[in-house]
PDB file of N, CA and C in Angstrom:
ATOM      1  N   MET A   1      46.154  15.000  -6.081  1.00  0.00           N
ATOM      2  CA  MET A   1      45.733  13.757  -5.143  1.00  0.00           C
ATOM      3  C   MET A   1      46.048  14.123  -3.777  1.00  0.00           C
ATOM      4  N   GLN A   2      45.202  13.407  -3.041  1.00  0.00           N
ATOM      5  CA  GLN A   2      45.180  13.644  -1.642  1.00  0.00           C
ATOM      6  C   GLN A   2      45.269  12.417  -1.006  1.00  0.00           C
ATOM      7  N   ALA A   3      46.191  12.359   0.081  1.00  0.00           N
ATOM      8  CA  ALA A   3      46.264  11.108   0.837  1.00  0.00           C
ATOM      9  C   ALA A   3      45.556  11.144   2.258  1.00  0.00           C
ATOM     10  N   ARG A   4      44.958  10.112   2.552  1.00  0.00           N
ATOM     11  CA  ARG A   4      44.145  10.007   3.814  1.00  0.00           C
ATOM     12  C   ARG A   4      44.602   8.770   4.426  1.00  0.00           C
ATOM     13  N   GLN A   5      44.715   8.691   5.795  1.00  0.00           N
ATOM     14  CA  GLN A   5      45.051   7.559   6.582  1.00  0.00           C
ATOM     15  C   GLN A   5      43.679   7.003   7.140  1.00  0.00           C
ATOM     16  N   GLY A   6      43.711   5.680   7.262  1.00  0.00           N
ATOM     17  CA  GLY A   6      42.297   4.908   7.826  1.00  0.00           C
ATOM     18  C   GLY A   6      42.505   3.648   7.896  1.00  0.00           C
ATOM     19  N   GLY A   7      42.235   3.098   9.027  1.00  0.00           N
ATOM     20  CA  GLY A   7      42.543   1.694   9.210  1.00  0.00           C
ATOM     21  C   GLY A   7      43.916   1.096   8.965  1.00  0.00           C
ATOM     22  N   GLY A   8      44.851   1.964   9.126  1.00  0.00           N
ATOM     23  CA  GLY A   8      46.273   1.468   9.022  1.00  0.00           C
ATOM     24  C   GLY A   8      46.744   1.465   7.505  1.00  0.00           C
ATOM     25  N   LEU A   9      45.803   1.703   6.521  1.00  0.00           N
ATOM     26  CA  LEU A   9      46.148   1.729   5.125  1.00  0.00           C
ATOM     27  C   LEU A   9      46.034   3.024   4.566  1.00  0.00           C
ATOM     28  N   ALA A  10      46.961   3.613   3.781  1.00  0.00           N
ATOM     29  CA  ALA A  10      46.901   4.835   3.105  1.00  0.00           C
ATOM     30  C   ALA A  10      45.804   4.777   1.945  1.00  0.00           C
ATOM     31  N   ALA A  11      44.684   5.582   1.981  1.00  0.00           N
ATOM     32  CA  ALA A  11      43.909   5.503   0.787  1.00  0.00           C
ATOM     33  C   ALA A  11      44.104   6.863  -0.057  1.00  0.00           C
ATOM     34  N   PHE A  12      44.235   6.802  -1.377  1.00  0.00           N
ATOM     35  CA  PHE A  12      44.574   7.920  -2.101  1.00  0.00           C
ATOM     36  C   PHE A  12      43.291   8.334  -2.990  1.00  0.00           C
ATOM     37  N   THR A  13      43.022   9.476  -2.962  1.00  0.00           N
ATOM     38  CA  THR A  13      41.771   9.985  -3.587  1.00  0.00           C
ATOM     39  C   THR A  13      42.191  11.071  -4.760  1.00  0.00           C
ATOM     40  N   MET A  14      41.453  11.153  -5.820  1.00  0.00           N
ATOM     41  CA  MET A  14      41.551  12.093  -6.685  1.00  0.00           C
ATOM     42  C   MET A  14      40.219  12.337  -7.574  1.00  0.00           C
ATOM     43  N   ALA A  15      39.735  13.512  -7.428  1.00  0.00           N
ATOM     44  CA  ALA A  15      38.428  14.100  -8.031  1.00  0.00           C
ATOM     45  C   ALA A  15      38.626  14.778  -9.277  1.00  0.00           C
ATOM     46  N   ARG A  16      37.832  14.476 -10.083  1.00  0.00           N
ATOM     47  CA  ARG A  16      37.616  15.153 -11.407  1.00  0.00           C
ATOM     48  C   ARG A  16      36.153  15.543 -11.843  1.00  0.00           C
ATOM     49  N   PRO A  17      35.942  16.645 -12.300  1.00  0.00           N
ATOM     50  CA  PRO A  17      34.618  17.016 -12.780  1.00  0.00           C
ATOM     51  C   PRO A  17      34.147  16.288 -14.046  1.00  0.00           C
ATOM     52  N   LEU A  18      32.936  16.031 -14.296  1.00  0.00           N
ATOM     53  CA  LEU A  18      32.259  15.336 -15.629  1.00  0.00           C
ATOM     54  C   LEU A  18      31.267  16.222 -15.952  1.00  0.00           C
ATOM     55  N   ILE A  19      30.887  16.171 -17.226  1.00  0.00           N
ATOM     56  CA  ILE A  19      29.772  16.826 -17.683  1.00  0.00           C
ATOM     57  C   ILE A  19      28.418  16.096 -16.913  1.00  0.00           C
ATOM     58  N   GLY A  20      27.761  16.925 -16.032  1.00  0.00           N
ATOM     59  CA  GLY A  20      26.574  16.385 -15.413  1.00  0.00           C
ATOM     60  C   GLY A  20      26.973  15.765 -14.176  1.00  0.00           C
ATOM     61  N   GLY A  21      28.140  15.895 -13.565  1.00  0.00           N
ATOM     62  CA  GLY A  21      28.512  15.399 -12.356  1.00  0.00           C
ATOM     63  C   GLY A  21      29.992  15.282 -12.176  1.00  0.00           C
ATOM     64  N   SER A  22      30.425  14.338 -11.386  1.00  0.00           N
ATOM     65  CA  SER A  22      31.980  14.209 -11.200  1.00  0.00           C
ATOM     66  C   SER A  22      32.205  12.665 -10.813  1.00  0.00           C
ATOM     67  N   TYR A  23      33.570  12.292 -10.711  1.00  0.00           N
ATOM     68  CA  TYR A  23      34.023  11.151 -10.307  1.00  0.00           C
ATOM     69  C   TYR A  23      35.161  11.260  -9.284  1.00  0.00           C
ATOM     70  N   THR A  24      35.279  10.384  -8.405  1.00  0.00           N
ATOM     71  CA  THR A  24      36.403  10.324  -7.596  1.00  0.00           C
ATOM     72  C   THR A  24      37.051   8.992  -7.577  1.00  0.00           C
ATOM     73  N   VAL A  25      38.320   8.827  -7.800  1.00  0.00           N
ATOM     74  CA  VAL A  25      38.888   7.610  -7.527  1.00  0.00           C
ATOM     75  C   VAL A  25      39.269   7.516  -5.982  1.00  0.00           C
ATOM     76  N   THR A  26      38.787   6.623  -5.527  1.00  0.00           N
ATOM     77  CA  THR A  26      38.714   6.580  -3.891  1.00  0.00           C
ATOM     78  C   THR A  26      39.890   5.746  -3.294  1.00  0.00           C
ATOM     79  N   TYR A  27      40.380   4.811  -4.236  1.00  0.00           N
ATOM     80  CA  TYR A  27      41.443   3.845  -3.625  1.00  0.00           C
ATOM     81  C   TYR A  27      42.370   3.327  -4.731  1.00  0.00           C
ATOM     82  N   PHE A  28      43.571   3.457  -4.563  1.00  0.00           N
ATOM     83  CA  PHE A  28      44.535   2.789  -5.644  1.00  0.00           C
ATOM     84  C   PHE A  28      45.197   1.697  -4.854  1.00  0.00           C
ATOM     85  N   ARG A  29      45.395   0.404  -5.542  1.00  0.00           N
ATOM     86  CA  ARG A  29      46.120  -0.587  -4.978  1.00  0.00           C
ATOM     87  C   ARG A  29      46.933  -1.354  -5.801  1.00  0.00           C
ATOM     88  N   ASN A  30      47.897  -1.876  -5.294  1.00  0.00           N
ATOM     89  CA  ASN A  30      48.807  -2.867  -6.150  1.00  0.00           C
ATOM     90  C   ASN A  30      48.969  -4.187  -5.336  1.00  0.00           C
ATOM     91  N   GLY A  31      48.379  -5.118  -5.744  1.00  0.00           N
ATOM     92  CA  GLY A  31      48.110  -6.368  -5.097  1.00  0.00           C
ATOM     93  C   GLY A  31      47.233  -6.157  -4.063  1.00  0.00           C
ATOM     94  N   GLU A  32      47.645  -6.466  -2.884  1.00  0.00           N
ATOM     95  CA  GLU A  32      46.696  -6.400  -1.634  1.00  0.00           C
ATOM     96  C   GLU A  32      46.947  -5.151  -0.735  1.00  0.00           C
ATOM     97  N   GLU A  33      47.760  -4.273  -1.451  1.00  0.00           N
ATOM     98  CA  GLU A  33      48.334  -3.161  -0.642  1.00  0.00           C
ATOM     99  C   GLU A  33      47.706  -1.768  -1.273  1.00  0.00           C
ATOM    100  N   ALA A  34      47.450  -0.803  -0.422  1.00  0.00           N
ATOM    101  CA  ALA A  34      47.250   0.585  -0.869  1.00  0.00           C
ATOM    102  C   ALA A  34      48.395   1.169  -1.427  1.00  0.00           C
ATOM    103  N   CYS A  35      48.441   2.039  -2.447  1.00  0.00           N
ATOM    104  CA  CYS A  35      49.639   2.555  -3.129  1.00  0.00           C
ATOM    105  C   CYS A  35      49.167   3.859  -3.641  1.00  0.00           C
ATOM    106  N   SER A  36      50.256   4.618  -4.287  1.00  0.00           N
ATOM    107  CA  SER A  36      50.078   5.746  -4.915  1.00  0.00           C
ATOM    108  C   SER A  36      49.609   5.455  -6.446  1.00  0.00           C
ATOM    109  N   MET A  37      49.039   6.591  -7.125  1.00  0.00           N
ATOM    110  CA  MET A  37      48.643   6.367  -8.447  1.00  0.00           C
ATOM    111  C   MET A  37      49.481   5.680  -9.385  1.00  0.00           C
ATOM    112  N   GLY A  38      50.701   6.088  -9.362  1.00  0.00           N
ATOM    113  CA  GLY A  38      51.780   5.803 -10.326  1.00  0.00           C
ATOM    114  C   GLY A  38      52.116   4.211 -10.216  1.00  0.00           C
ATOM    115  N   ASP A  39      51.869   3.628  -8.958  1.00  0.00           N
ATOM    116  CA  ASP A  39      52.218   2.184  -8.817  1.00  0.00           C
ATOM    117  C   ASP A  39      50.994   1.295  -8.912  1.00  0.00           C
ATOM    118  N   ALA A  40      49.728   1.891  -9.026  1.00  0.00           N
ATOM    119  CA  ALA A  40      48.596   1.125  -8.972  1.00  0.00           C
ATOM    120  C   ALA A  40      48.274   0.057 -10.212  1.00  0.00           C
ATOM    121  N   THR A  41      47.708  -1.021  -9.784  1.00  0.00           N
ATOM    122  CA  THR A  41      47.279  -2.151 -10.756  1.00  0.00           C
ATOM    123  C   THR A  41      45.738  -2.136 -10.837  1.00  0.00           C
ATOM    124  N   ALA A  42      45.178  -1.451  -9.804  1.00  0.00           N
ATOM    125  CA  ALA A  42      43.740  -1.398  -9.696  1.00  0.00           C
ATOM    126  C   ALA A  42      43.247  -0.037  -8.993  1.00  0.00           C
ATOM    127  N   GLU A  43      41.907   0.395  -9.350  1.00  0.00           N
ATOM    128  CA  GLU A  43      41.353   1.598  -8.708  1.00  0.00           C
ATOM    129  C   GLU A  43      39.886   1.377  -8.489  1.00  0.00           C
ATOM    130  N   ILE A  44      39.345   1.963  -7.364  1.00  0.00           N
ATOM    131  CA  ILE A  44      38.000   1.990  -7.256  1.00  0.00           C
ATOM    132  C   ILE A  44      37.517   3.434  -7.532  1.00  0.00           C
ATOM    133  N   VAL A  45      36.460   3.570  -8.427  1.00  0.00           N
ATOM    134  CA  VAL A  45      35.961   4.985  -8.868  1.00  0.00           C
ATOM    135  C   VAL A  45      34.443   4.982  -8.341  1.00  0.00           C
ATOM    136  N   HIS A  46      34.179   6.155  -7.792  1.00  0.00           N
ATOM    137  CA  HIS A  46      32.901   6.406  -7.508  1.00  0.00           C
ATOM    138  C   HIS A  46      32.294   7.655  -8.424  1.00  0.00           C
ATOM    139  N   TYR A  47      31.068   7.547  -8.990  1.00  0.00           N
ATOM    140  CA  TYR A  47      30.522   8.608  -9.815  1.00  0.00           C
ATOM    141  C   TYR A  47      29.383   9.145  -9.139  1.00  0.00           C
ATOM    142  N   TYR A  48      29.377  10.518  -9.216  1.00  0.00           N
ATOM    143  CA  TYR A  48      28.219  11.359  -8.607  1.00  0.00           C
ATOM    144  C   TYR A  48      27.566  12.111  -9.550  1.00  0.00           C
ATOM    145  N   ASP A  49      26.354  12.524  -9.231  1.00  0.00           N
ATOM    146  CA  ASP A  49      25.388  13.472 -10.111  1.00  0.00           C
ATOM    147  C   ASP A  49      25.881  14.770  -9.618  1.00  0.00           C
ATOM    148  N   MET A  50      25.179  15.798 -10.138  1.00  0.00           N
ATOM    149  CA  MET A  50      25.371  17.281  -9.962  1.00  0.00           C
ATOM    150  C   MET A  50      25.052  17.660  -8.663  1.00  0.00           C
ATOM    151  N   ASP A  51      24.234  16.854  -7.881  1.00  0.00           N
ATOM    152  CA  ASP A  51      23.824  17.222  -6.459  1.00  0.00           C
ATOM    153  C   ASP A  51      24.793  16.462  -5.449  1.00  0.00           C
ATOM    154  N   GLY A  52      25.696  15.902  -6.074  1.00  0.00           N
ATOM    155  CA  GLY A  52      26.658  15.186  -5.081  1.00  0.00           C
ATOM    156  C   GLY A  52      26.167  13.795  -4.543  1.00  0.00           C
ATOM    157  N   THR A  53      25.087  13.201  -5.261  1.00  0.00           N
ATOM    158  CA  THR A  53      24.634  11.909  -4.835  1.00  0.00           C
ATOM    159  C   THR A  53      25.325  10.920  -5.568  1.00  0.00           C
ATOM    160  N   LEU A  54      25.904   9.807  -4.823  1.00  0.00           N
ATOM    161  CA  LEU A  54      26.516   8.668  -5.414  1.00  0.00           C
ATOM    162  C   LEU A  54      25.513   7.953  -6.295  1.00  0.00           C
ATOM    163  N   LEU A  55      25.996   7.780  -7.705  1.00  0.00           N
ATOM    164  CA  LEU A  55      25.229   7.129  -8.680  1.00  0.00           C
ATOM    165  C   LEU A  55      25.653   5.598  -8.720  1.00  0.00           C
ATOM    166  N   HIS A  56      26.914   5.437  -8.770  1.00  0.00           N
ATOM    167  CA  HIS A  56      27.471   4.010  -8.843  1.00  0.00           C
ATOM    168  C   HIS A  56      28.881   3.999  -8.720  1.00  0.00           C
ATOM    169  N   CYS A  57      29.695   2.926  -8.337  1.00  0.00           N
ATOM    170  CA  CYS A  57      31.028   2.698  -8.206  1.00  0.00           C
ATOM    171  C   CYS A  57      31.516   1.606  -9.172  1.00  0.00           C
ATOM    172  N   GLU A  58      32.693   1.727  -9.577  1.00  0.00           N
ATOM    173  CA  GLU A  58      33.254   0.599 -10.440  1.00  0.00           C
ATOM    174  C   GLU A  58      34.770   0.177 -10.086  1.00  0.00           C
ATOM    175  N   TYR A  59      35.034  -0.881 -10.364  1.00  0.00           N
ATOM    176  CA  TYR A  59      36.421  -1.551 -10.070  1.00  0.00           C
ATOM    177  C   TYR A  59      37.118  -1.467 -11.349  1.00  0.00           C
ATOM    178  N   HIS A  60      38.302  -0.838 -11.547  1.00  0.00           N
ATOM    179  CA  HIS A  60      38.950  -0.781 -12.798  1.00  0.00           C
ATOM    180  C   HIS A  60      40.404  -1.388 -12.702  1.00  0.00           C
ATOM    181  N   ARG A  61      40.856  -2.367 -13.321  1.00  0.00           N
ATOM    182  CA  ARG A  61      42.087  -2.827 -13.370  1.00  0.00           C
ATOM    183  C   ARG A  61      43.051  -1.907 -14.349  1.00  0.00           C
ATOM    184  N   ILE A  62      44.095  -1.615 -13.970  1.00  0.00           N
ATOM    185  CA  ILE A  62      44.945  -0.774 -14.673  1.00  0.00           C
ATOM    186  C   ILE A  62      46.097  -1.564 -15.319  1.00  0.00           C
ATOM    187  N   GLU A  63      46.135  -1.446 -16.682  1.00  0.00           N
ATOM    188  CA  GLU A  63      47.074  -2.245 -17.520  1.00  0.00           C
ATOM    189  C   GLU A  63      48.156  -1.312 -17.678  1.00  0.00           C
ATOM    190  N   ARG A  64      49.469  -1.761 -17.497  1.00  0.00           N
ATOM    191  CA  ARG A  64      50.806  -1.008 -17.730  1.00  0.00           C
ATOM    192  C   ARG A  64      51.527  -1.588 -18.750  1.00  0.00           C
ATOM    193  N   ASP A  65      51.895  -0.544 -19.667  1.00  0.00           N
ATOM    194  CA  ASP A  65      52.965  -1.090 -20.542  1.00  0.00           C
ATOM    195  C   ASP A  65      54.257  -1.241 -20.131  1.00  0.00           C
ATOM    196  N   THR A  66      54.929  -2.382 -20.277  1.00  0.00           N
ATOM    197  CA  THR A  66      56.283  -2.545 -19.607  1.00  0.00           C
ATOM    198  C   THR A  66      57.263  -2.966 -20.806  1.00  0.00           C
TER     199      THR A  66
END
């Protein structure tokens, strides 16, 4: 995972390969705040093809077992 600073909020990214492309989690958040992956309740994921062209992005809610 790699932390970036921008606009006063920390954005965390994580890239993983997929068959035929890759995906990048570009933002983790908990409520209205940016956070680390372990504390996240939501994430934004961008999917790319083999040429690195953005195909689409998705918003995922993260359910935690407590």
